């Protein structure tokens, strides 16, 4: 199963459609298939898990051609200290969460990770 984002004005995702693999062996074939059945020309292939185009496409996201990525352009940052990671095309904390198997939550007031006990 392949996922295709229907792009509206300013490359905003207005819908996400699934297409069977045999109808979309390539992105171009999938776009042609969707164009034929919907009479709508603006589509971009994505993936459910974000392995293609950095993030899974969802209604309200945008497709940025320069970054070749789907992301939340106007979504407010979760916390004011978060920074935009160009590699991930997502808002992330300025300090990576510890990777020691414990559970943490970001503390915006101290700008650090607090262990959840």
N, C-alpha and C. Protein backbone atom coordinates (compact mmCIF):
# COMPACT_ATOMS: atom_id res chain seq x y z
N UNK A 1 0.85 -1.18 0.00
CA UNK A 1 0.00 0.00 0.00
C UNK A 1 0.89 1.24 0.00
N UNK A 2 0.57 2.18 -0.86
CA UNK A 2 1.30 3.45 -0.95
C UNK A 2 0.39 4.57 -0.47
N UNK A 3 1.00 5.64 0.03
CA UNK A 3 0.27 6.80 0.54
C UNK A 3 0.60 8.01 -0.32
N UNK A 4 -0.45 8.73 -0.71
CA UNK A 4 -0.27 9.91 -1.53
C UNK A 4 -1.01 11.08 -0.91
N UNK A 5 -0.30 12.20 -0.80
CA UNK A 5 -0.89 13.42 -0.26
C UNK A 5 -1.44 14.25 -1.41
N UNK A 6 -2.68 14.68 -1.25
CA UNK A 6 -3.31 15.59 -2.21
C UNK A 6 -2.94 17.00 -1.77
N UNK A 7 -2.29 17.74 -2.67
CA UNK A 7 -1.79 19.07 -2.33
C UNK A 7 -2.70 20.16 -2.85
N UNK A 8 -3.08 21.08 -1.96
CA UNK A 8 -3.90 22.23 -2.32
C UNK A 8 -3.05 23.47 -2.47
N UNK A 9 -3.66 24.62 -2.20
CA UNK A 9 -2.94 25.89 -2.30
C UNK A 9 -1.73 25.90 -1.38
N UNK A 10 -0.65 26.50 -1.87
CA UNK A 10 0.61 26.61 -1.11
C UNK A 10 1.13 25.25 -0.65
N UNK A 11 0.83 24.21 -1.41
CA UNK A 11 1.30 22.84 -1.14
C UNK A 11 0.82 22.30 0.20
N UNK A 12 -0.33 22.78 0.64
CA UNK A 12 -0.92 22.28 1.89
C UNK A 12 -1.59 20.93 1.62
N UNK A 13 -1.37 19.97 2.51
CA UNK A 13 -1.99 18.65 2.37
C UNK A 13 -3.47 18.78 2.74
N UNK A 14 -4.33 18.46 1.77
CA UNK A 14 -5.77 18.56 1.99
C UNK A 14 -6.42 17.18 2.15
N UNK A 15 -5.70 16.13 1.81
CA UNK A 15 -6.19 14.77 1.98
C UNK A 15 -5.02 13.81 1.79
N UNK A 16 -5.17 12.61 2.33
CA UNK A 16 -4.18 11.55 2.11
C UNK A 16 -4.94 10.32 1.63
N UNK A 17 -4.49 9.77 0.50
CA UNK A 17 -5.14 8.61 -0.10
C UNK A 17 -4.19 7.43 -0.15
N UNK A 18 -4.74 6.24 -0.05
CA UNK A 18 -3.93 5.03 -0.22
C UNK A 18 -4.17 4.47 -1.61
N UNK A 19 -3.11 3.88 -2.16
CA UNK A 19 -3.17 3.29 -3.49
C UNK A 19 -2.48 1.94 -3.41
N UNK A 20 -3.08 0.92 -4.02
CA UNK A 20 -2.46 -0.41 -4.03
C UNK A 20 -1.13 -0.37 -4.78
N UNK A 21 -0.19 -1.16 -4.31
CA UNK A 21 1.15 -1.19 -4.91
C UNK A 21 1.11 -1.45 -6.42
N UNK A 22 0.21 -2.33 -6.86
CA UNK A 22 0.17 -2.63 -8.30
C UNK A 22 -0.34 -1.45 -9.13
N UNK A 23 -1.05 -0.52 -8.51
CA UNK A 23 -1.50 0.70 -9.22
C UNK A 23 -0.47 1.82 -9.11
N UNK A 24 0.52 1.65 -8.24
CA UNK A 24 1.53 2.69 -8.04
C UNK A 24 2.91 2.06 -7.85
N UNK A 25 3.42 1.37 -8.88
CA UNK A 25 4.77 0.80 -8.73
C UNK A 25 5.85 1.87 -8.60
N UNK A 26 5.55 3.08 -9.08
CA UNK A 26 6.44 4.23 -8.93
C UNK A 26 5.58 5.42 -8.49
N UNK A 27 6.23 6.46 -8.02
CA UNK A 27 5.49 7.67 -7.64
C UNK A 27 4.75 8.24 -8.85
N UNK A 28 5.43 8.28 -9.98
CA UNK A 28 4.82 8.83 -11.19
C UNK A 28 3.58 8.04 -11.59
N UNK A 29 3.65 6.71 -11.51
CA UNK A 29 2.51 5.87 -11.85
C UNK A 29 1.36 6.10 -10.87
N UNK A 30 1.67 6.27 -9.59
CA UNK A 30 0.64 6.54 -8.60
C UNK A 30 -0.05 7.87 -8.84
N UNK A 31 0.73 8.89 -9.18
CA UNK A 31 0.15 10.21 -9.48
C UNK A 31 -0.73 10.13 -10.72
N UNK A 32 -0.27 9.42 -11.73
CA UNK A 32 -1.06 9.25 -12.95
C UNK A 32 -2.37 8.52 -12.65
N UNK A 33 -2.30 7.47 -11.82
CA UNK A 33 -3.49 6.71 -11.43
C UNK A 33 -4.48 7.61 -10.70
N UNK A 34 -4.00 8.37 -9.72
CA UNK A 34 -4.88 9.25 -8.95
C UNK A 34 -5.46 10.37 -9.82
N UNK A 35 -4.65 10.91 -10.70
CA UNK A 35 -5.11 11.96 -11.61
C UNK A 35 -6.24 11.42 -12.49
N UNK A 36 -6.09 10.19 -12.94
CA UNK A 36 -7.10 9.58 -13.81
C UNK A 36 -8.43 9.37 -13.07
N UNK A 37 -8.36 8.89 -11.81
CA UNK A 37 -9.62 8.57 -11.12
C UNK A 37 -10.23 9.77 -10.40
N UNK A 38 -9.42 10.82 -10.12
CA UNK A 38 -9.95 11.99 -9.40
C UNK A 38 -10.00 13.25 -10.26
N UNK A 39 -9.32 13.22 -11.39
CA UNK A 39 -9.19 14.40 -12.24
C UNK A 39 -8.54 15.55 -11.47
N UNK A 40 -7.60 15.20 -10.59
CA UNK A 40 -6.87 16.20 -9.79
C UNK A 40 -5.37 15.92 -9.97
N UNK A 41 -4.57 16.94 -10.33
CA UNK A 41 -3.18 16.68 -10.73
C UNK A 41 -2.09 16.78 -9.65
N UNK A 42 -2.40 17.35 -8.48
CA UNK A 42 -1.31 17.67 -7.55
C UNK A 42 -1.22 16.67 -6.40
N UNK A 43 -0.28 15.75 -6.51
CA UNK A 43 -0.08 14.67 -5.53
C UNK A 43 1.39 14.51 -5.24
N UNK A 44 1.70 14.02 -4.05
CA UNK A 44 3.08 13.70 -3.69
C UNK A 44 3.03 12.43 -2.84
N UNK A 45 3.89 11.48 -3.18
CA UNK A 45 3.93 10.24 -2.40
C UNK A 45 4.58 10.49 -1.05
N UNK A 46 4.05 9.85 -0.05
CA UNK A 46 4.60 9.93 1.30
C UNK A 46 4.69 8.52 1.88
N UNK A 47 4.86 8.43 3.16
CA UNK A 47 4.87 7.14 3.85
C UNK A 47 4.20 7.32 5.20
N UNK A 48 3.63 6.25 5.69
CA UNK A 48 2.93 6.31 6.96
C UNK A 48 3.88 6.61 8.11
N UNK A 49 5.10 6.04 8.04
CA UNK A 49 6.05 6.14 9.15
C UNK A 49 7.08 7.26 8.98
N UNK A 50 6.99 8.03 7.92
CA UNK A 50 7.93 9.13 7.71
C UNK A 50 9.25 8.71 7.09
N UNK A 51 9.36 7.46 6.66
CA UNK A 51 10.61 7.01 6.05
C UNK A 51 10.82 7.64 4.67
N UNK A 52 9.77 8.18 4.11
CA UNK A 52 9.84 8.89 2.84
C UNK A 52 9.41 10.32 3.08
N UNK A 53 10.24 11.27 2.74
CA UNK A 53 9.95 12.69 2.88
C UNK A 53 9.85 13.13 4.34
N UNK A 54 10.64 12.53 5.18
CA UNK A 54 10.94 12.92 6.57
C UNK A 54 9.82 12.76 7.57
N UNK A 55 8.58 12.97 7.18
CA UNK A 55 7.44 12.82 8.09
C UNK A 55 6.27 12.25 7.31
N UNK A 56 5.45 11.48 7.99
CA UNK A 56 4.24 11.00 7.35
C UNK A 56 3.33 12.18 7.06
N UNK A 57 2.73 12.20 5.89
CA UNK A 57 1.86 13.31 5.51
C UNK A 57 0.53 13.21 6.26
N UNK A 58 0.01 14.36 6.67
CA UNK A 58 -1.29 14.45 7.33
C UNK A 58 -1.97 15.73 6.89
N UNK A 59 -3.28 15.73 6.92
CA UNK A 59 -4.05 16.91 6.54
C UNK A 59 -3.60 18.09 7.41
N UNK A 60 -3.31 19.20 6.75
CA UNK A 60 -2.87 20.41 7.44
C UNK A 60 -1.37 20.64 7.34
N UNK A 61 -0.61 19.60 7.03
CA UNK A 61 0.84 19.77 6.85
C UNK A 61 1.07 20.43 5.49
N UNK A 62 2.30 20.79 5.23
CA UNK A 62 2.67 21.28 3.91
C UNK A 62 3.75 20.37 3.34
N UNK A 63 3.84 20.38 2.02
CA UNK A 63 4.95 19.72 1.35
C UNK A 63 5.89 20.82 0.89
N UNK A 64 7.13 20.76 1.35
CA UNK A 64 8.14 21.74 1.00
C UNK A 64 9.05 21.12 -0.05
N UNK A 65 8.96 21.62 -1.27
CA UNK A 65 9.73 21.05 -2.38
C UNK A 65 11.24 21.20 -2.16
N UNK A 66 11.67 22.33 -1.62
CA UNK A 66 13.10 22.55 -1.41
C UNK A 66 13.68 21.55 -0.40
N UNK A 67 12.93 21.25 0.64
CA UNK A 67 13.37 20.29 1.66
C UNK A 67 12.98 18.86 1.30
N UNK A 68 12.10 18.72 0.30
CA UNK A 68 11.51 17.43 -0.07
C UNK A 68 10.95 16.74 1.16
N UNK A 69 10.09 17.48 1.88
CA UNK A 69 9.59 16.99 3.16
C UNK A 69 8.18 17.49 3.44
N UNK A 70 7.44 16.66 4.18
CA UNK A 70 6.17 17.08 4.76
C UNK A 70 6.47 17.53 6.18
N UNK A 71 5.88 18.65 6.60
CA UNK A 71 6.03 19.07 8.00
C UNK A 71 4.96 20.09 8.36
N UNK A 72 4.85 20.32 9.66
CA UNK A 72 3.89 21.30 10.18
C UNK A 72 4.53 22.67 10.12
N UNK A 73 4.23 23.44 9.12
CA UNK A 73 4.84 24.75 8.95
C UNK A 73 4.35 25.76 9.99
N UNK A 74 3.05 25.78 10.23
CA UNK A 74 2.49 26.79 11.12
C UNK A 74 2.09 26.23 12.48
N UNK A 75 2.44 25.00 12.76
CA UNK A 75 2.10 24.41 14.05
C UNK A 75 2.98 25.06 15.12
N UNK A 76 2.38 25.54 16.19
CA UNK A 76 3.21 26.15 17.23
C UNK A 76 4.14 25.13 17.87
N UNK A 77 5.30 25.62 18.25
CA UNK A 77 6.25 24.75 18.93
C UNK A 77 5.64 24.26 20.23
N UNK A 78 5.97 23.03 20.62
CA UNK A 78 5.48 22.50 21.88
C UNK A 78 5.99 23.34 23.05
N UNK A 79 7.21 23.78 22.95
CA UNK A 79 7.83 24.59 24.00
C UNK A 79 8.62 25.71 23.33
N UNK A 80 8.71 26.84 23.98
CA UNK A 80 9.38 27.99 23.37
C UNK A 80 10.88 27.76 23.14
N UNK A 81 11.48 26.85 23.88
CA UNK A 81 12.92 26.61 23.72
C UNK A 81 13.23 25.66 22.56
N UNK A 82 12.22 25.00 22.01
CA UNK A 82 12.47 24.04 20.93
C UNK A 82 13.01 24.75 19.69
N UNK A 83 13.81 24.05 18.93
CA UNK A 83 14.40 24.59 17.71
C UNK A 83 13.97 23.73 16.52
N UNK A 84 13.97 24.33 15.34
CA UNK A 84 13.58 23.58 14.15
C UNK A 84 14.78 22.81 13.63
N UNK A 85 14.65 21.49 13.57
CA UNK A 85 15.71 20.61 13.07
C UNK A 85 15.51 20.43 11.57
N UNK A 86 16.42 20.98 10.78
CA UNK A 86 16.30 20.91 9.32
C UNK A 86 16.40 19.48 8.80
N UNK A 87 17.13 18.62 9.48
CA UNK A 87 17.26 17.23 9.04
C UNK A 87 15.96 16.48 9.22
N UNK A 88 15.31 16.67 10.37
CA UNK A 88 14.06 15.98 10.67
C UNK A 88 12.83 16.74 10.17
N UNK A 89 13.00 18.04 9.92
CA UNK A 89 11.88 18.93 9.61
C UNK A 89 10.82 18.84 10.71
N UNK A 90 11.29 19.06 11.93
CA UNK A 90 10.42 18.99 13.11
C UNK A 90 11.01 19.87 14.21
N UNK A 91 10.13 20.29 15.14
CA UNK A 91 10.56 21.05 16.31
C UNK A 91 11.08 20.07 17.35
N UNK A 92 12.29 20.30 17.86
CA UNK A 92 12.92 19.39 18.82
C UNK A 92 13.50 20.18 19.99
N UNK A 93 13.68 19.51 21.14
CA UNK A 93 14.30 20.19 22.27
C UNK A 93 15.75 20.54 21.97
N UNK A 94 16.28 21.57 22.61
CA UNK A 94 17.66 21.97 22.34
C UNK A 94 18.69 20.99 22.89
N UNK A 95 18.26 20.09 23.77
CA UNK A 95 19.14 19.07 24.36
C UNK A 95 18.49 17.71 24.11
N UNK A 96 19.26 16.77 23.62
CA UNK A 96 18.71 15.43 23.37
C UNK A 96 18.32 14.75 24.67
N UNK A 97 17.24 13.96 24.58
CA UNK A 97 16.80 13.21 25.75
C UNK A 97 17.83 12.13 26.07
N UNK A 98 18.13 11.92 27.36
CA UNK A 98 19.08 10.85 27.72
C UNK A 98 18.65 9.50 27.14
N UNK A 99 19.63 8.75 26.72
CA UNK A 99 19.36 7.45 26.11
C UNK A 99 19.84 6.35 27.06
N UNK A 100 19.21 6.28 28.23
CA UNK A 100 19.64 5.31 29.24
C UNK A 100 18.53 4.34 29.61
N UNK A 101 17.47 4.31 28.79
CA UNK A 101 16.38 3.37 29.04
C UNK A 101 15.33 3.88 30.02
N UNK A 102 15.58 5.00 30.66
CA UNK A 102 14.60 5.57 31.60
C UNK A 102 13.63 6.47 30.83
N UNK A 103 12.52 6.82 31.47
CA UNK A 103 11.52 7.69 30.84
C UNK A 103 11.72 9.11 31.35
N UNK A 104 11.60 10.06 30.41
CA UNK A 104 11.81 11.46 30.73
C UNK A 104 10.71 12.32 30.15
N UNK A 105 10.58 13.50 30.71
CA UNK A 105 9.68 14.53 30.18
C UNK A 105 10.46 15.84 30.16
N UNK A 106 10.21 16.64 29.12
CA UNK A 106 10.91 17.92 28.99
C UNK A 106 10.37 18.91 30.00
N UNK A 107 11.26 19.59 30.69
CA UNK A 107 10.90 20.63 31.66
C UNK A 107 11.27 21.97 31.04
N UNK A 108 10.26 22.69 30.59
CA UNK A 108 10.51 23.97 29.90
C UNK A 108 11.10 25.02 30.83
N UNK A 109 10.72 25.01 32.09
CA UNK A 109 11.23 26.05 33.00
C UNK A 109 12.71 25.89 33.30
N UNK A 110 13.22 24.65 33.35
CA UNK A 110 14.65 24.44 33.60
C UNK A 110 15.42 24.12 32.32
N UNK A 111 14.70 23.97 31.23
CA UNK A 111 15.30 23.61 29.93
C UNK A 111 16.14 22.33 30.04
N UNK A 112 15.54 21.33 30.68
CA UNK A 112 16.24 20.07 30.87
C UNK A 112 15.22 18.93 30.93
N UNK A 113 15.72 17.71 30.92
CA UNK A 113 14.88 16.52 30.98
C UNK A 113 14.73 16.08 32.43
N UNK A 114 13.50 15.84 32.85
CA UNK A 114 13.23 15.33 34.18
C UNK A 114 12.83 13.87 34.07
N UNK A 115 13.43 13.04 34.90
CA UNK A 115 13.10 11.62 34.90
C UNK A 115 11.69 11.42 35.46
N UNK A 116 10.91 10.56 34.80
CA UNK A 116 9.58 10.20 35.28
C UNK A 116 9.74 9.00 36.19
N UNK A 117 9.33 9.16 37.45
CA UNK A 117 9.46 8.05 38.41
C UNK A 117 8.10 7.53 38.83
